[in-house]
Protein backbone atom coordinates (compact mmCIF):
# COMPACT_ATOMS: atom_id res chain seq x y z
CA UNK A 1 0.00 0.00 0.00
CA UNK A 2 2.79 2.43 0.94
CA UNK A 3 4.58 1.53 -2.24
CA UNK A 4 1.44 2.39 -4.23
CA UNK A 5 1.19 5.87 -2.73
CA UNK A 6 4.91 6.40 -3.22
CA UNK A 7 4.59 5.51 -6.89
CA UNK A 8 1.47 7.70 -7.17
CA UNK A 9 3.30 10.64 -5.64
CA UNK A 10 6.02 10.52 -8.28
CA UNK A 11 3.40 10.13 -10.98
CA UNK A 12 1.59 13.21 -9.69
CA UNK A 13 4.80 15.25 -9.71
CA UNK A 14 5.66 14.18 -13.25
CA UNK A 15 2.08 14.81 -14.38
CA UNK A 16 2.13 18.29 -12.87
CA UNK A 17 5.40 19.16 -14.61
CA UNK A 18 4.12 17.88 -17.94
CA UNK A 19 0.88 19.85 -17.48
CA UNK A 20 2.80 23.08 -16.79
CA UNK A 21 4.92 22.55 -19.90
CA UNK A 22 1.85 21.86 -22.05
CA UNK A 23 0.00 24.90 -20.74
CA UNK A 24 3.07 27.08 -21.38
CA UNK A 25 3.35 25.80 -24.94
CA UNK A 26 -0.34 26.41 -25.62
CA UNK A 27 -0.10 29.88 -24.05
CA UNK A 28 2.82 30.80 -26.31
CA UNK A 29 1.19 29.31 -29.40
CA UNK A 30 -2.00 31.24 -28.80
CA UNK A 31 0.05 34.30 -27.82
CA UNK A 32 -2.37 35.13 -25.02
CA UNK A 33 -2.09 38.83 -24.26
CA UNK A 34 -1.84 39.88 -20.65
CA UNK A 35 -3.93 42.92 -19.69
CA UNK A 36 -2.09 45.99 -18.50
CA UNK A 37 -1.96 46.37 -14.71
CA UNK A 38 -4.23 48.84 -12.91
CA UNK A 39 -1.92 50.77 -10.61
CA UNK A 40 -3.00 51.53 -7.05
CA UNK A 41 -1.11 53.83 -4.64
CA UNK A 42 -0.13 50.89 -2.42
CA UNK A 43 1.64 49.30 -5.41
CA UNK A 44 3.68 52.36 -6.35
CA UNK A 45 7.01 53.45 -4.90
CA UNK A 46 6.08 55.19 -1.65
CA UNK A 47 8.14 58.29 -2.45
CA UNK A 48 5.75 58.99 -5.32
CA UNK A 49 2.62 58.73 -3.21
CA UNK A 50 1.04 61.19 -0.81
CA UNK A 51 1.08 59.78 2.73
CA UNK A 52 -2.73 59.85 2.84
CA UNK A 53 -2.81 57.23 0.07
CA UNK A 54 -0.21 54.73 1.26
CA UNK A 55 -2.79 52.04 2.07
CA UNK A 56 -5.10 52.55 -0.91
CA UNK A 57 -5.24 49.22 -2.75
CA UNK A 58 -8.25 49.65 -5.04
CA UNK A 59 -10.55 52.14 -6.72
CA UNK A 60 -7.86 54.78 -7.29
CA UNK A 61 -8.78 57.17 -10.11
CA UNK A 62 -7.65 60.51 -11.46
CA UNK A 63 -9.51 63.24 -9.59
CA UNK A 64 -11.79 65.72 -11.34
CA UNK A 65 -10.06 68.89 -12.44
CA UNK A 66 -10.73 72.24 -14.07
CA UNK A 67 -7.78 73.83 -15.89
CA UNK A 68 -7.24 76.13 -18.87
CA UNK A 69 -5.59 75.12 -22.13
CA UNK A 70 -3.46 76.94 -24.71
CA UNK A 71 -6.58 78.40 -26.33
CA UNK A 72 -8.09 79.72 -23.11
CA UNK A 73 -10.65 76.90 -23.02
CA UNK A 74 -11.60 75.29 -19.69
CA UNK A 75 -10.54 71.64 -19.73
CA UNK A 76 -12.16 69.11 -17.40
CA UNK A 77 -12.57 65.34 -17.18
CA UNK A 78 -15.50 65.72 -19.56
CA UNK A 79 -13.04 66.50 -22.36
CA UNK A 80 -11.42 63.11 -21.72
CA UNK A 81 -14.59 61.11 -21.18
CA UNK A 82 -14.33 57.66 -22.78
CA UNK A 83 -10.78 58.46 -23.90
CA UNK A 84 -7.44 56.82 -23.31
CA UNK A 85 -4.85 59.51 -22.65
CA UNK A 86 -1.20 60.12 -21.87
CA UNK A 87 -0.44 62.70 -19.18
CA UNK A 88 2.74 64.46 -18.12
CA UNK A 89 4.05 67.50 -16.21
CA UNK A 90 6.36 70.09 -17.76
CA UNK A 91 7.13 73.79 -18.00
CA UNK A 92 7.86 75.85 -21.08
CA UNK A 93 11.09 77.46 -19.83
CA UNK A 94 12.69 74.14 -18.86
CA UNK A 95 16.01 73.56 -20.62
CA UNK A 96 16.76 70.04 -19.37
CA UNK A 97 14.32 67.13 -19.66
CA UNK A 98 11.19 68.96 -20.81
CA UNK A 99 12.25 69.58 -24.44
CA UNK A 100 12.98 65.86 -24.82
CA UNK A 101 9.67 64.95 -23.19
CA UNK A 102 7.75 67.38 -25.40
CA UNK A 103 9.40 66.00 -28.54
CA UNK A 104 8.43 62.49 -27.45
CA UNK A 105 4.88 63.62 -26.72
CA UNK A 106 4.79 65.17 -30.22
CA UNK A 107 5.91 61.82 -31.61
CA UNK A 108 3.06 60.10 -29.76
CA UNK A 109 0.68 62.74 -31.14
CA UNK A 110 1.77 61.91 -34.67
CA UNK A 111 1.16 58.22 -34.07
CA UNK A 112 -2.36 58.70 -32.68
CA UNK A 113 -3.38 61.66 -34.83
CA UNK A 114 -6.26 59.82 -36.50
CA UNK A 115 -7.19 57.73 -33.47
CA UNK A 116 -10.38 59.06 -31.90
CA UNK A 117 -9.85 57.01 -28.73
CA UNK A 118 -6.55 58.58 -27.64
CA UNK A 119 -5.57 62.07 -26.46
CA UNK A 120 -2.70 63.83 -24.64
CA UNK A 121 -2.63 66.10 -21.58
CA UNK A 122 0.36 68.14 -20.40
CA UNK A 123 0.21 70.10 -17.13
CA UNK A 124 2.54 73.03 -16.52
CA UNK A 125 4.19 73.05 -13.09
CA UNK A 126 4.93 76.79 -13.32
CA UNK A 127 1.47 78.24 -13.97
CA UNK A 128 2.59 81.69 -12.81
CA UNK A 129 4.91 81.75 -15.85
CA UNK A 130 2.99 79.56 -18.25
CA UNK A 131 0.01 81.74 -18.98
CA UNK A 132 -2.44 80.92 -21.75
CA UNK A 133 -0.48 83.17 -24.11
CA UNK A 134 2.80 81.47 -23.20
CA UNK A 135 1.29 78.02 -23.67
CA UNK A 136 -0.07 79.06 -27.06
CA UNK A 137 3.36 80.22 -28.23
CA UNK A 138 4.87 76.97 -27.01
CA UNK A 139 2.12 74.92 -28.66
CA UNK A 140 2.70 76.58 -32.01
CA UNK A 141 6.45 76.09 -31.71
CA UNK A 142 6.09 72.39 -30.86
CA UNK A 143 3.40 71.57 -33.42
CA UNK A 144 0.64 70.81 -30.94
CA UNK A 145 -2.63 69.69 -32.52
CA UNK A 146 -5.37 71.37 -30.48
CA UNK A 147 -7.80 68.53 -31.12
CA UNK A 148 -5.46 65.92 -29.65
CA UNK A 149 -3.26 67.61 -27.09
CA UNK A 150 -4.09 70.07 -24.32
CA UNK A 151 -1.37 72.04 -22.55
CA UNK A 152 -3.01 73.22 -19.34
CA UNK A 153 -2.37 75.85 -16.71
CA UNK A 154 -4.35 76.94 -13.67
CA UNK A 155 -4.26 76.86 -9.89
CA UNK A 156 -0.84 75.66 -8.77
CA UNK A 157 -2.14 73.79 -5.74
CA UNK A 158 -4.63 71.91 -7.90
CA UNK A 159 -1.93 70.92 -10.39
CA UNK A 160 0.44 69.76 -7.66
CA UNK A 161 -2.34 67.79 -5.96
CA UNK A 162 -3.07 66.08 -9.27
CA UNK A 163 0.61 65.23 -9.73
CA UNK A 164 1.05 63.68 -6.31
CA UNK A 165 -2.40 62.40 -5.31
CA UNK A 166 -3.87 61.40 -8.67
CA UNK A 167 -1.10 60.62 -11.15
CA UNK A 168 1.40 59.43 -8.48
CA UNK A 169 4.06 61.11 -10.57
CA UNK A 170 6.48 63.05 -8.36
CA UNK A 171 8.69 62.58 -5.32
CA UNK A 172 8.37 66.06 -3.87
CA UNK A 173 6.25 66.59 -0.76
CA UNK A 174 5.43 70.15 -1.83
CA UNK A 175 1.76 71.03 -2.11
CA UNK A 176 2.02 73.89 -4.57
CA UNK A 177 3.12 76.75 -2.36
CA UNK A 178 4.85 79.74 -3.94
CA UNK A 179 8.35 78.24 -3.97
CA UNK A 180 7.43 74.59 -4.50
CA UNK A 181 8.77 73.04 -7.68
CA UNK A 182 8.14 69.58 -9.10
CA UNK A 183 10.07 68.13 -11.98
CA UNK A 184 9.32 64.64 -13.28
CA UNK A 185 10.10 62.70 -16.43
CA UNK A 186 7.13 60.38 -15.94
CA UNK A 187 4.45 59.82 -18.57
CA UNK A 188 1.27 58.14 -17.31
CA UNK A 189 -1.11 56.08 -19.40
CA UNK A 190 -4.72 56.60 -18.27
CA UNK A 191 -7.63 54.41 -19.33
CA UNK A 192 -11.26 55.25 -20.06
CA UNK A 193 -12.15 54.70 -16.39
CA UNK A 194 -9.57 57.29 -15.24
CA UNK A 195 -7.25 54.56 -13.91
CA UNK A 196 -3.45 54.51 -14.23
CA UNK A 197 -2.36 51.67 -16.52
CA UNK A 198 1.33 52.48 -16.98
CA UNK A 199 4.32 54.63 -16.06
CA UNK A 200 7.02 55.50 -18.61
CA UNK A 201 10.24 57.50 -18.71
CA UNK A 202 9.35 60.35 -21.04
CA UNK A 203 13.02 60.91 -21.91
CA UNK A 204 13.64 57.32 -23.04
CA UNK A 205 12.82 56.44 -26.69
CA UNK A 206 12.45 52.75 -25.82
CA UNK A 207 9.91 53.61 -23.11
CA UNK A 208 7.95 55.65 -25.66
CA UNK A 209 7.92 52.68 -28.03
CA UNK A 210 6.55 50.52 -25.20
CA UNK A 211 3.97 53.17 -24.36
CA UNK A 212 2.67 53.11 -27.92
CA UNK A 213 2.45 49.32 -27.80
CA UNK A 214 0.60 49.51 -24.49
CA UNK A 215 -1.91 51.96 -25.95
CA UNK A 216 -2.75 49.33 -28.56
CA UNK A 217 -3.07 46.65 -25.87
CA UNK A 218 -5.40 48.91 -23.90
CA UNK A 219 -7.51 49.64 -26.96
CA UNK A 220 -7.95 45.91 -27.58
CA UNK A 221 -9.12 45.52 -24.00
CA UNK A 222 -12.20 47.60 -24.86
CA UNK A 223 -12.99 45.48 -27.92
CA UNK A 224 -13.36 42.22 -25.98
């Protein structure tokens, strides 16, 4: 009897290994596509998260906002309803990472120009400098398509709260006071439910390539 169970145990182990191998082969043959993760504050590096959100493990979404774009139009979540979008934070007088990020955002714009499901959203972190007129000059210089890409300015505290409490994008603990300054290379991919689905280095061409691939993965998610 003991010998039977011993033999059965080895059979079970071998069977399990063979099953894993077969499932892996089938998975690769069918090329099953994994869905993009839905990022929650508790899953993100703690330095990027406001202390009030450390334990949030579900239901995190981008908060409602009201900001002004390069054309003086008020931009809210309604303008991004049922849209996938890429968000970042920049300022027009930046001479370091922002020009690279803006060029990469322009590249993304060109790739999604005829895609009605995808838009872009760039928040200035120096709204006292980046007025509507300044954003318009910058938009014209960088080839911004007004129908696809909003550059927004507004209340500094609101923008900084969005960066830290919604987009989980920056390491600073500043809340938007007069001398606070955030500077981040992060691009965030946001889905149609206002959830974060990816973080990308906006200065890295390879990350931008991955971002574009992930946009396509996310679009297919809505077709299932």
